Amino acid sequence: MNGKFWSKIGISTVILGLFIFAIYTFNKSPDMATILLPPVQVSATAQELLDTVILARFEVAVQEEGHLAHAAFAIDNNSNHDIKNVEILCTLMDNAGVEQGRDKWVIYDTIKAHANGIFSSTSKKYVSNRASASQCQIVDMERAQSPLIAIHRGSAAGSGHGGGQGAQDAMPGTHH
């Protein structure tokens, strides 16, 4: 028995000890979903508007083949502000109510103040085949700002913005 033999025994003992420690730690802790999925945090803007911007209805359905997730959301904006980029986080649960994962959808449309909207999305996401129910909530949103530049469509002639006949005469080229 030489030094190589004892070094291999020592390394094997350390690896076995780490493996036993890892199994003991995971068995003592709550389920894996709790470890891997941190608590849901709502942004400051969403927290401020949460009483007036309401996720009225939601439905998340998953096709087993292809893992296509179809989600539909109805949002009521009872605030005095237009909102956009609404992030909705859905917690997926099994029949026993144990969390199986989370998915996030973003509604990029602007929802006007005191209005509502129905939005749907289909995307390919991995969802556990044990998930049978979902609980969704708004976790972030932005107040929509009015655009910096407004484009007015219409005739330039006689508008008083330099687009009349005088501006056309000053331009080189042929006149019509």
N, C-alpha and C. Protein backbone atom coordinates (compact mmCIF):
# COMPACT_ATOMS: atom_id res chain seq x y z
N MET A 1 0.84 -1.18 0.00
CA MET A 1 0.00 0.00 0.00
C MET A 1 0.88 1.24 0.00
N ASN A 2 0.78 1.95 -1.09
CA ASN A 2 1.61 3.12 -1.26
C ASN A 2 0.80 4.40 -1.05
N GLY A 3 1.39 5.53 -1.29
CA GLY A 3 0.76 6.83 -1.07
C GLY A 3 -0.42 7.10 -2.00
N LYS A 4 -0.36 6.59 -3.23
CA LYS A 4 -1.47 6.79 -4.18
C LYS A 4 -2.74 6.13 -3.65
N PHE A 5 -2.60 4.95 -3.10
CA PHE A 5 -3.76 4.23 -2.58
C PHE A 5 -4.43 5.02 -1.46
N TRP A 6 -3.64 5.51 -0.51
CA TRP A 6 -4.21 6.26 0.62
C TRP A 6 -4.79 7.61 0.17
N SER A 7 -4.19 8.24 -0.82
CA SER A 7 -4.75 9.50 -1.32
C SER A 7 -6.10 9.27 -2.01
N LYS A 8 -6.23 8.17 -2.74
CA LYS A 8 -7.52 7.85 -3.38
C LYS A 8 -8.57 7.55 -2.32
N ILE A 9 -8.19 6.85 -1.26
CA ILE A 9 -9.13 6.56 -0.17
C ILE A 9 -9.56 7.86 0.51
N GLY A 10 -8.64 8.78 0.73
CA GLY A 10 -8.94 10.06 1.37
C GLY A 10 -9.88 10.91 0.52
N ILE A 11 -9.59 11.00 -0.76
CA ILE A 11 -10.46 11.78 -1.67
C ILE A 11 -11.85 11.16 -1.75
N SER A 12 -11.93 9.85 -1.83
CA SER A 12 -13.23 9.17 -1.87
C SER A 12 -14.02 9.42 -0.59
N THR A 13 -13.36 9.45 0.55
CA THR A 13 -14.03 9.70 1.83
C THR A 13 -14.58 11.12 1.88
N VAL A 14 -13.81 12.09 1.41
CA VAL A 14 -14.26 13.49 1.38
C VAL A 14 -15.47 13.63 0.47
N ILE A 15 -15.44 13.05 -0.71
CA ILE A 15 -16.56 13.14 -1.66
C ILE A 15 -17.79 12.47 -1.08
N LEU A 16 -17.63 11.31 -0.46
CA LEU A 16 -18.76 10.62 0.17
C LEU A 16 -19.34 11.45 1.30
N GLY A 17 -18.49 12.08 2.08
CA GLY A 17 -18.96 12.95 3.18
C GLY A 17 -19.75 14.13 2.66
N LEU A 18 -19.28 14.78 1.59
CA LEU A 18 -20.02 15.91 0.99
C LEU A 18 -21.36 15.46 0.42
N PHE A 19 -21.39 14.29 -0.18
CA PHE A 19 -22.64 13.76 -0.73
C PHE A 19 -23.65 13.49 0.39
N ILE A 20 -23.22 12.90 1.47
CA ILE A 20 -24.12 12.63 2.61
C ILE A 20 -24.60 13.95 3.23
N PHE A 21 -23.72 14.94 3.34
CA PHE A 21 -24.11 16.25 3.87
C PHE A 21 -25.17 16.91 2.98
N ALA A 22 -24.99 16.84 1.65
CA ALA A 22 -25.96 17.43 0.72
C ALA A 22 -27.32 16.76 0.84
N ILE A 23 -27.35 15.45 0.91
CA ILE A 23 -28.63 14.74 1.05
C ILE A 23 -29.31 15.11 2.37
N TYR A 24 -28.55 15.17 3.45
CA TYR A 24 -29.10 15.53 4.75
C TYR A 24 -29.66 16.95 4.72
N THR A 25 -28.95 17.89 4.10
CA THR A 25 -29.40 19.28 4.03
C THR A 25 -30.70 19.40 3.22
N PHE A 26 -30.80 18.73 2.08
CA PHE A 26 -32.01 18.82 1.27
C PHE A 26 -33.18 18.12 1.92
N ASN A 27 -32.95 17.03 2.64
CA ASN A 27 -34.05 16.35 3.34
C ASN A 27 -34.57 17.17 4.50
N LYS A 28 -33.71 17.94 5.14
CA LYS A 28 -34.10 18.75 6.28
C LYS A 28 -34.84 20.01 5.84
N SER A 29 -34.53 20.53 4.66
CA SER A 29 -35.14 21.77 4.17
C SER A 29 -36.49 21.47 3.54
N PRO A 30 -37.30 22.54 3.30
CA PRO A 30 -38.58 22.34 2.62
C PRO A 30 -38.37 21.84 1.19
N ASP A 31 -39.46 21.63 0.47
CA ASP A 31 -39.35 21.06 -0.88
C ASP A 31 -38.49 21.93 -1.80
N MET A 32 -38.06 21.35 -2.90
CA MET A 32 -37.14 22.00 -3.82
C MET A 32 -37.73 23.28 -4.42
N ALA A 33 -39.03 23.30 -4.67
CA ALA A 33 -39.65 24.49 -5.26
C ALA A 33 -39.47 25.69 -4.35
N THR A 34 -39.56 25.48 -3.04
CA THR A 34 -39.38 26.57 -2.10
C THR A 34 -37.94 27.08 -2.12
N ILE A 35 -37.00 26.18 -2.29
CA ILE A 35 -35.59 26.58 -2.33
C ILE A 35 -35.28 27.34 -3.61
N LEU A 36 -35.78 26.86 -4.74
CA LEU A 36 -35.44 27.44 -6.03
C LEU A 36 -36.27 28.66 -6.40
N LEU A 37 -37.45 28.83 -5.80
CA LEU A 37 -38.33 29.94 -6.15
C LEU A 37 -38.43 30.91 -4.97
N PRO A 38 -37.79 32.07 -5.07
CA PRO A 38 -37.84 33.03 -3.97
C PRO A 38 -39.24 33.63 -3.83
N PRO A 39 -39.53 34.30 -2.71
CA PRO A 39 -40.84 34.92 -2.55
C PRO A 39 -41.10 35.96 -3.64
N VAL A 40 -42.36 36.12 -4.00
CA VAL A 40 -42.76 37.08 -5.03
C VAL A 40 -42.64 38.49 -4.46
N GLN A 41 -41.99 39.38 -5.21
CA GLN A 41 -41.86 40.77 -4.80
C GLN A 41 -42.54 41.66 -5.82
N VAL A 42 -43.33 42.59 -5.33
CA VAL A 42 -44.06 43.53 -6.18
C VAL A 42 -43.30 44.84 -6.22
N SER A 43 -43.16 45.45 -7.41
CA SER A 43 -42.42 46.70 -7.55
C SER A 43 -43.14 47.84 -6.83
N ALA A 44 -42.42 48.94 -6.61
CA ALA A 44 -42.99 50.10 -5.92
C ALA A 44 -44.13 50.72 -6.72
N THR A 45 -43.97 50.82 -8.04
CA THR A 45 -45.04 51.39 -8.88
C THR A 45 -46.28 50.52 -8.83
N ALA A 46 -46.08 49.21 -8.94
CA ALA A 46 -47.22 48.30 -8.88
C ALA A 46 -47.89 48.37 -7.52
N GLN A 47 -47.11 48.45 -6.46
CA GLN A 47 -47.67 48.53 -5.11
C GLN A 47 -48.53 49.77 -4.95
N GLU A 48 -48.08 50.88 -5.54
CA GLU A 48 -48.80 52.15 -5.46
C GLU A 48 -50.14 52.09 -6.19
N LEU A 49 -50.16 51.40 -7.34
CA LEU A 49 -51.37 51.36 -8.17
C LEU A 49 -52.19 50.08 -8.00
N LEU A 50 -51.77 49.20 -7.10
CA LEU A 50 -52.40 47.89 -6.98
C LEU A 50 -53.87 47.97 -6.57
N ASP A 51 -54.26 49.01 -5.87
CA ASP A 51 -55.67 49.14 -5.47
C ASP A 51 -56.56 49.57 -6.63
N THR A 52 -55.97 50.23 -7.63
CA THR A 52 -56.79 50.75 -8.73
C THR A 52 -56.58 50.02 -10.05
N VAL A 53 -55.49 49.29 -10.19
CA VAL A 53 -55.26 48.47 -11.39
C VAL A 53 -55.42 47.02 -10.95
N ILE A 54 -56.45 46.38 -11.48
CA ILE A 54 -56.87 45.08 -10.97
C ILE A 54 -56.78 44.03 -12.07
N LEU A 55 -56.23 42.89 -11.72
CA LEU A 55 -56.26 41.73 -12.60
C LEU A 55 -57.61 41.06 -12.33
N ALA A 56 -58.60 41.40 -13.16
CA ALA A 56 -59.98 40.98 -12.91
C ALA A 56 -60.17 39.48 -13.13
N ARG A 57 -59.60 38.94 -14.21
CA ARG A 57 -59.72 37.51 -14.52
C ARG A 57 -58.44 37.04 -15.17
N PHE A 58 -58.17 35.76 -15.00
CA PHE A 58 -57.02 35.17 -15.67
C PHE A 58 -57.30 33.70 -15.91
N GLU A 59 -56.65 33.20 -16.94
CA GLU A 59 -56.75 31.78 -17.27
C GLU A 59 -55.43 31.36 -17.91
N VAL A 60 -54.84 30.29 -17.38
CA VAL A 60 -53.62 29.74 -17.94
C VAL A 60 -53.90 28.28 -18.26
N ALA A 61 -53.73 27.92 -19.52
CA ALA A 61 -53.94 26.54 -19.96
C ALA A 61 -52.71 26.08 -20.71
N VAL A 62 -52.32 24.83 -20.48
CA VAL A 62 -51.12 24.29 -21.10
C VAL A 62 -51.48 23.03 -21.87
N GLN A 63 -51.06 22.99 -23.14
CA GLN A 63 -51.21 21.78 -23.92
C GLN A 63 -50.03 20.88 -23.59
N GLU A 64 -50.31 19.61 -23.35
CA GLU A 64 -49.22 18.71 -22.98
C GLU A 64 -48.25 18.51 -24.14
N GLU A 65 -48.74 18.41 -25.35
CA GLU A 65 -47.84 18.26 -26.49
C GLU A 65 -47.30 19.61 -26.90
N GLY A 66 -46.00 19.73 -26.95
CA GLY A 66 -45.37 20.96 -27.39
C GLY A 66 -45.22 22.00 -26.31
N HIS A 67 -45.79 21.78 -25.15
CA HIS A 67 -45.69 22.71 -24.02
C HIS A 67 -46.13 24.12 -24.39
N LEU A 68 -47.17 24.28 -25.20
CA LEU A 68 -47.68 25.60 -25.51
C LEU A 68 -48.56 26.06 -24.36
N ALA A 69 -48.22 27.22 -23.83
CA ALA A 69 -48.99 27.80 -22.73
C ALA A 69 -49.84 28.93 -23.29
N HIS A 70 -51.14 28.85 -23.08
CA HIS A 70 -52.05 29.90 -23.52
C HIS A 70 -52.54 30.61 -22.27
N ALA A 71 -52.37 31.92 -22.24
CA ALA A 71 -52.80 32.72 -21.09
C ALA A 71 -53.70 33.84 -21.56
N ALA A 72 -54.75 34.11 -20.79
CA ALA A 72 -55.66 35.22 -21.07
C ALA A 72 -55.84 36.01 -19.79
N PHE A 73 -55.77 37.34 -19.90
CA PHE A 73 -55.86 38.21 -18.74
C PHE A 73 -56.84 39.35 -19.02
N ALA A 74 -57.66 39.67 -18.03
CA ALA A 74 -58.53 40.84 -18.10
C ALA A 74 -58.06 41.82 -17.04
N ILE A 75 -57.71 43.03 -17.46
CA ILE A 75 -57.16 44.03 -16.55
C ILE A 75 -58.08 45.24 -16.54
N ASP A 76 -58.45 45.68 -15.34
CA ASP A 76 -59.26 46.89 -15.15
C ASP A 76 -58.36 47.98 -14.62
N ASN A 77 -58.26 49.09 -15.35
CA ASN A 77 -57.46 50.24 -14.91
C ASN A 77 -58.41 51.30 -14.39
N ASN A 78 -58.62 51.33 -13.10
CA ASN A 78 -59.49 52.32 -12.47
C ASN A 78 -58.71 53.52 -11.96
N SER A 79 -57.44 53.63 -12.33
CA SER A 79 -56.61 54.74 -11.87
C SER A 79 -56.78 55.95 -12.79
N ASN A 80 -56.16 57.04 -12.42
CA ASN A 80 -56.19 58.27 -13.23
C ASN A 80 -55.02 58.33 -14.20
N HIS A 81 -54.26 57.24 -14.33
CA HIS A 81 -53.07 57.21 -15.18
C HIS A 81 -53.21 56.10 -16.22
N ASP A 82 -52.71 56.38 -17.43
CA ASP A 82 -52.57 55.31 -18.42
C ASP A 82 -51.40 54.44 -17.95
N ILE A 83 -51.51 53.13 -18.16
CA ILE A 83 -50.44 52.23 -17.74
C ILE A 83 -50.00 51.38 -18.92
N LYS A 84 -48.77 50.87 -18.83
CA LYS A 84 -48.22 50.01 -19.88
C LYS A 84 -47.24 49.04 -19.25
N ASN A 85 -46.78 48.08 -20.04
CA ASN A 85 -45.78 47.10 -19.60
C ASN A 85 -46.18 46.42 -18.29
N VAL A 86 -47.39 45.91 -18.26
CA VAL A 86 -47.90 45.24 -17.06
C VAL A 86 -47.30 43.83 -17.01
N GLU A 87 -46.56 43.53 -15.94
CA GLU A 87 -45.98 42.21 -15.75
C GLU A 87 -46.88 41.40 -14.84
N ILE A 88 -47.25 40.21 -15.29
CA ILE A 88 -48.12 39.32 -14.53
C ILE A 88 -47.34 38.04 -14.25
N LEU A 89 -47.25 37.67 -12.98
CA LEU A 89 -46.56 36.46 -12.57
C LEU A 89 -47.59 35.44 -12.14
N CYS A 90 -47.53 34.26 -12.76
CA CYS A 90 -48.47 33.19 -12.43
C CYS A 90 -47.72 32.07 -11.72
N THR A 91 -48.23 31.69 -10.56
CA THR A 91 -47.69 30.57 -9.80
C THR A 91 -48.51 29.35 -10.16
N LEU A 92 -47.84 28.30 -10.60
CA LEU A 92 -48.51 27.07 -11.03
C LEU A 92 -48.45 26.05 -9.91
N MET A 93 -49.58 25.40 -9.62
CA MET A 93 -49.67 24.46 -8.50
C MET A 93 -50.25 23.13 -8.96
N ASP A 94 -49.94 22.08 -8.20
CA ASP A 94 -50.52 20.77 -8.49
C ASP A 94 -51.83 20.62 -7.72
N ASN A 95 -52.44 19.43 -7.80
CA ASN A 95 -53.73 19.18 -7.14
C ASN A 95 -53.67 19.37 -5.63
N ALA A 96 -52.52 19.13 -5.02
CA ALA A 96 -52.38 19.26 -3.57
C ALA A 96 -52.08 20.70 -3.15
N GLY A 97 -51.91 21.61 -4.11
CA GLY A 97 -51.61 23.00 -3.81
C GLY A 97 -50.14 23.30 -3.64
N VAL A 98 -49.28 22.35 -4.02
CA VAL A 98 -47.84 22.54 -3.93
C VAL A 98 -47.36 23.27 -5.18
N GLU A 99 -46.55 24.30 -4.98
CA GLU A 99 -46.06 25.11 -6.09
C GLU A 99 -45.16 24.27 -7.00
N GLN A 100 -45.45 24.35 -8.31
CA GLN A 100 -44.69 23.59 -9.31
C GLN A 100 -43.82 24.48 -10.19
N GLY A 101 -43.98 25.77 -10.07
CA GLY A 101 -43.18 26.69 -10.89
C GLY A 101 -43.90 28.00 -11.08
N ARG A 102 -43.23 28.90 -11.78
CA ARG A 102 -43.80 30.23 -12.07
C ARG A 102 -43.50 30.60 -13.50
N ASP A 103 -44.40 31.37 -14.08
CA ASP A 103 -44.19 31.93 -15.41
C ASP A 103 -44.63 33.38 -15.40
N LYS A 104 -43.94 34.20 -16.22
CA LYS A 104 -44.26 35.62 -16.27
C LYS A 104 -44.69 36.00 -17.68
N TRP A 105 -45.74 36.80 -17.75
CA TRP A 105 -46.21 37.36 -19.00
C TRP A 105 -46.16 38.87 -18.88
N VAL A 106 -45.89 39.56 -20.00
CA VAL A 106 -45.85 41.02 -20.01
C VAL A 106 -46.86 41.51 -21.05
N ILE A 107 -47.72 42.42 -20.62
CA ILE A 107 -48.69 43.08 -21.51
C ILE A 107 -48.06 44.41 -21.91
N TYR A 108 -47.62 44.52 -23.16
CA TYR A 108 -46.92 45.72 -23.62
C TYR A 108 -47.87 46.82 -24.06
N ASP A 109 -49.14 46.51 -24.24
CA ASP A 109 -50.10 47.52 -24.68
C ASP A 109 -50.33 48.56 -23.59
N THR A 110 -50.82 49.73 -24.00
CA THR A 110 -51.19 50.77 -23.05
C THR A 110 -52.67 50.63 -22.72
N ILE A 111 -52.97 50.64 -21.43
CA ILE A 111 -54.36 50.58 -20.97
C ILE A 111 -54.70 51.97 -20.46
N LYS A 112 -55.64 52.61 -21.12
CA LYS A 112 -56.02 53.97 -20.78
C LYS A 112 -56.61 54.05 -19.38
N ALA A 113 -56.57 55.24 -18.79
CA ALA A 113 -57.16 55.46 -17.47
C ALA A 113 -58.65 55.19 -17.52
N HIS A 114 -59.19 54.58 -16.50
CA HIS A 114 -60.61 54.24 -16.36
C HIS A 114 -61.11 53.39 -17.52
N ALA A 115 -60.27 52.47 -17.98
CA ALA A 115 -60.66 51.56 -19.06
C ALA A 115 -60.23 50.15 -18.66
N ASN A 116 -60.59 49.19 -19.51
CA ASN A 116 -60.17 47.82 -19.25
C ASN A 116 -59.73 47.19 -20.56
N GLY A 117 -59.08 46.06 -20.44
CA GLY A 117 -58.62 45.37 -21.63
C GLY A 117 -58.51 43.88 -21.38
N ILE A 118 -58.67 43.12 -22.45
CA ILE A 118 -58.51 41.67 -22.40
C ILE A 118 -57.36 41.32 -23.33
N PHE A 119 -56.40 40.58 -22.81
CA PHE A 119 -55.19 40.28 -23.55
C PHE A 119 -54.95 38.78 -23.50
N SER A 120 -54.47 38.23 -24.61
CA SER A 120 -54.15 36.80 -24.62
C SER A 120 -52.79 36.61 -25.28
N SER A 121 -52.15 35.50 -24.89
CA SER A 121 -50.83 35.21 -25.39
C SER A 121 -50.64 33.71 -25.43
N THR A 122 -49.98 33.24 -26.45
CA THR A 122 -49.61 31.83 -26.54
C THR A 122 -48.10 31.79 -26.74
N SER A 123 -47.43 31.03 -25.88
CA SER A 123 -45.98 30.93 -26.00
C SER A 123 -45.54 29.54 -25.58
N LYS A 124 -44.37 29.17 -26.04
CA LYS A 124 -43.83 27.86 -25.70
C LYS A 124 -43.03 28.00 -24.41
N LYS A 125 -43.50 27.37 -23.36
CA LYS A 125 -42.85 27.42 -22.06
C LYS A 125 -42.85 26.04 -21.47
N TYR A 126 -41.84 25.74 -20.69
CA TYR A 126 -41.86 24.46 -19.99
C TYR A 126 -42.69 24.62 -18.74
N VAL A 127 -43.71 23.82 -18.61
CA VAL A 127 -44.57 23.82 -17.43
C VAL A 127 -44.66 22.37 -16.97
N SER A 128 -44.53 22.17 -15.68
CA SER A 128 -44.59 20.82 -15.12
C SER A 128 -45.91 20.17 -15.48
N ASN A 129 -45.87 18.87 -15.83
CA ASN A 129 -47.11 18.18 -16.17
C ASN A 129 -47.97 17.92 -14.93
N ARG A 130 -47.45 18.20 -13.76
CA ARG A 130 -48.24 18.08 -12.53
C ARG A 130 -49.04 19.33 -12.22
N ALA A 131 -48.76 20.43 -12.91
CA ALA A 131 -49.47 21.69 -12.65
C ALA A 131 -50.91 21.58 -13.14
N SER A 132 -51.85 21.89 -12.25
CA SER A 132 -53.26 21.81 -12.61
C SER A 132 -54.03 23.08 -12.27
N ALA A 133 -53.40 23.99 -11.56
CA ALA A 133 -54.06 25.24 -11.18
C ALA A 133 -53.03 26.36 -11.22
N SER A 134 -53.52 27.60 -11.27
CA SER A 134 -52.60 28.74 -11.28
C SER A 134 -53.19 29.87 -10.44
N GLN A 135 -52.29 30.67 -9.93
CA GLN A 135 -52.66 31.88 -9.20
C GLN A 135 -51.81 33.01 -9.77
N CYS A 136 -52.45 34.03 -10.33
CA CYS A 136 -51.72 35.10 -11.01
C CYS A 136 -51.90 36.42 -10.28
N GLN A 137 -50.87 37.27 -10.39
CA GLN A 137 -50.94 38.60 -9.81
C GLN A 137 -50.06 39.56 -10.60
N ILE A 138 -50.41 40.84 -10.53
CA ILE A 138 -49.61 41.88 -11.17
C ILE A 138 -48.42 42.17 -10.27
N VAL A 139 -47.20 42.12 -10.85
CA VAL A 139 -46.01 42.38 -10.05
C VAL A 139 -45.27 43.64 -10.47
N ASP A 140 -45.57 44.18 -11.65
CA ASP A 140 -44.92 45.41 -12.08
C ASP A 140 -45.73 46.05 -13.19
N MET A 141 -45.61 47.35 -13.32
CA MET A 141 -46.25 48.13 -14.39
C MET A 141 -45.60 49.49 -14.43
N GLU A 142 -45.82 50.21 -15.52
CA GLU A 142 -45.30 51.55 -15.67
C GLU A 142 -46.43 52.50 -15.99
N ARG A 143 -46.27 53.74 -15.56
CA ARG A 143 -47.21 54.78 -15.99
C ARG A 143 -46.81 55.19 -17.40
N ALA A 144 -47.78 55.24 -18.28
CA ALA A 144 -47.50 55.63 -19.66
C ALA A 144 -47.41 57.15 -19.72
N GLN A 145 -46.34 57.64 -20.32
CA GLN A 145 -46.14 59.07 -20.47
C GLN A 145 -46.63 59.49 -21.85
N SER A 146 -47.07 60.74 -21.95
CA SER A 146 -47.46 61.23 -23.27
C SER A 146 -46.21 61.37 -24.12
N PRO A 147 -46.34 61.17 -25.43
CA PRO A 147 -45.16 61.22 -26.30
C PRO A 147 -44.53 62.62 -26.32
N LEU A 148 -43.21 62.67 -26.52
CA LEU A 148 -42.52 63.95 -26.57
C LEU A 148 -42.83 64.71 -27.86
N ILE A 149 -43.07 63.99 -28.94
CA ILE A 149 -43.35 64.61 -30.23
C ILE A 149 -44.72 64.14 -30.70
N ALA A 150 -45.56 65.10 -31.03
CA ALA A 150 -46.89 64.76 -31.53
C ALA A 150 -46.90 64.97 -33.04
N ILE A 151 -47.39 64.00 -33.77
CA ILE A 151 -47.47 64.09 -35.22
C ILE A 151 -48.91 64.41 -35.57
N HIS A 152 -49.09 65.52 -36.28
CA HIS A 152 -50.42 65.92 -36.72
C HIS A 152 -50.53 65.62 -38.20
N ARG A 153 -51.50 64.84 -38.55
CA ARG A 153 -51.70 64.49 -39.95
C ARG A 153 -52.74 65.44 -40.54
N GLY A 154 -52.53 65.78 -41.79
CA GLY A 154 -53.49 66.64 -42.47
C GLY A 154 -52.77 67.46 -43.52
N SER A 155 -53.51 68.35 -44.13
CA SER A 155 -52.96 69.19 -45.18
C SER A 155 -52.06 70.26 -44.59
N ALA A 156 -50.94 70.49 -45.23
CA ALA A 156 -50.01 71.52 -44.77
C ALA A 156 -50.40 72.88 -45.32
N ALA A 157 -51.16 72.94 -46.41
CA ALA A 157 -51.51 74.20 -47.04
C ALA A 157 -52.44 74.99 -46.14
N GLY A 158 -52.08 76.23 -45.89
CA GLY A 158 -52.93 77.11 -45.11
C GLY A 158 -52.91 76.78 -43.63
N SER A 159 -51.95 76.00 -43.17
CA SER A 159 -51.95 75.63 -41.76
C SER A 159 -51.22 76.65 -40.90
N GLY A 160 -50.52 77.58 -41.53
CA GLY A 160 -49.82 78.60 -40.77
C GLY A 160 -48.48 78.11 -40.24
N HIS A 161 -48.02 76.95 -40.69
CA HIS A 161 -46.74 76.42 -40.23
C HIS A 161 -45.69 76.48 -41.33
N GLY A 162 -45.83 77.39 -42.25
CA GLY A 162 -44.83 77.51 -43.31
C GLY A 162 -45.01 76.49 -44.41
N GLY A 163 -46.13 75.79 -44.43
CA GLY A 163 -46.31 74.75 -45.43
C GLY A 163 -47.22 75.22 -46.55
N GLY A 164 -47.50 76.50 -46.66
CA GLY A 164 -48.41 77.02 -47.68
C GLY A 164 -47.71 77.22 -49.01
N GLN A 165 -48.33 78.03 -49.87
CA GLN A 165 -47.81 78.26 -51.21
C GLN A 165 -46.46 78.95 -51.18
N GLY A 166 -46.21 79.84 -50.21
CA GLY A 166 -44.94 80.55 -50.13
C GLY A 166 -43.79 79.58 -49.94
N ALA A 167 -43.99 78.55 -49.17
CA ALA A 167 -42.93 77.56 -48.94
C ALA A 167 -42.70 76.74 -50.20
N GLN A 168 -43.77 76.48 -50.95
CA GLN A 168 -43.60 75.71 -52.18
C GLN A 168 -42.86 76.54 -53.23
N ASP A 169 -43.12 77.87 -53.30
CA ASP A 169 -42.43 78.72 -54.27
C ASP A 169 -40.95 78.82 -53.97
N ALA A 170 -40.57 78.76 -52.72
CA ALA A 170 -39.17 78.89 -52.36
C ALA A 170 -38.38 77.62 -52.62
N MET A 171 -39.06 76.50 -52.83
CA MET A 171 -38.39 75.24 -53.04
C MET A 171 -37.96 75.12 -54.49
N PRO A 172 -36.74 74.65 -54.76
CA PRO A 172 -36.31 74.49 -56.16
C PRO A 172 -37.04 73.31 -56.80
N GLY A 173 -37.09 73.31 -58.11
CA GLY A 173 -37.73 72.22 -58.83
C GLY A 173 -38.88 72.74 -59.62
N THR A 174 -39.64 71.85 -60.18
CA THR A 174 -40.76 72.25 -61.02
C THR A 174 -41.98 72.50 -60.17
N HIS A 175 -42.80 73.44 -60.61
CA HIS A 175 -44.06 73.75 -59.93
C HIS A 175 -45.19 73.05 -60.64
N HIS A 176 -46.16 72.60 -59.89
CA HIS A 176 -47.30 71.93 -60.48
C HIS A 176 -48.51 72.79 -60.48
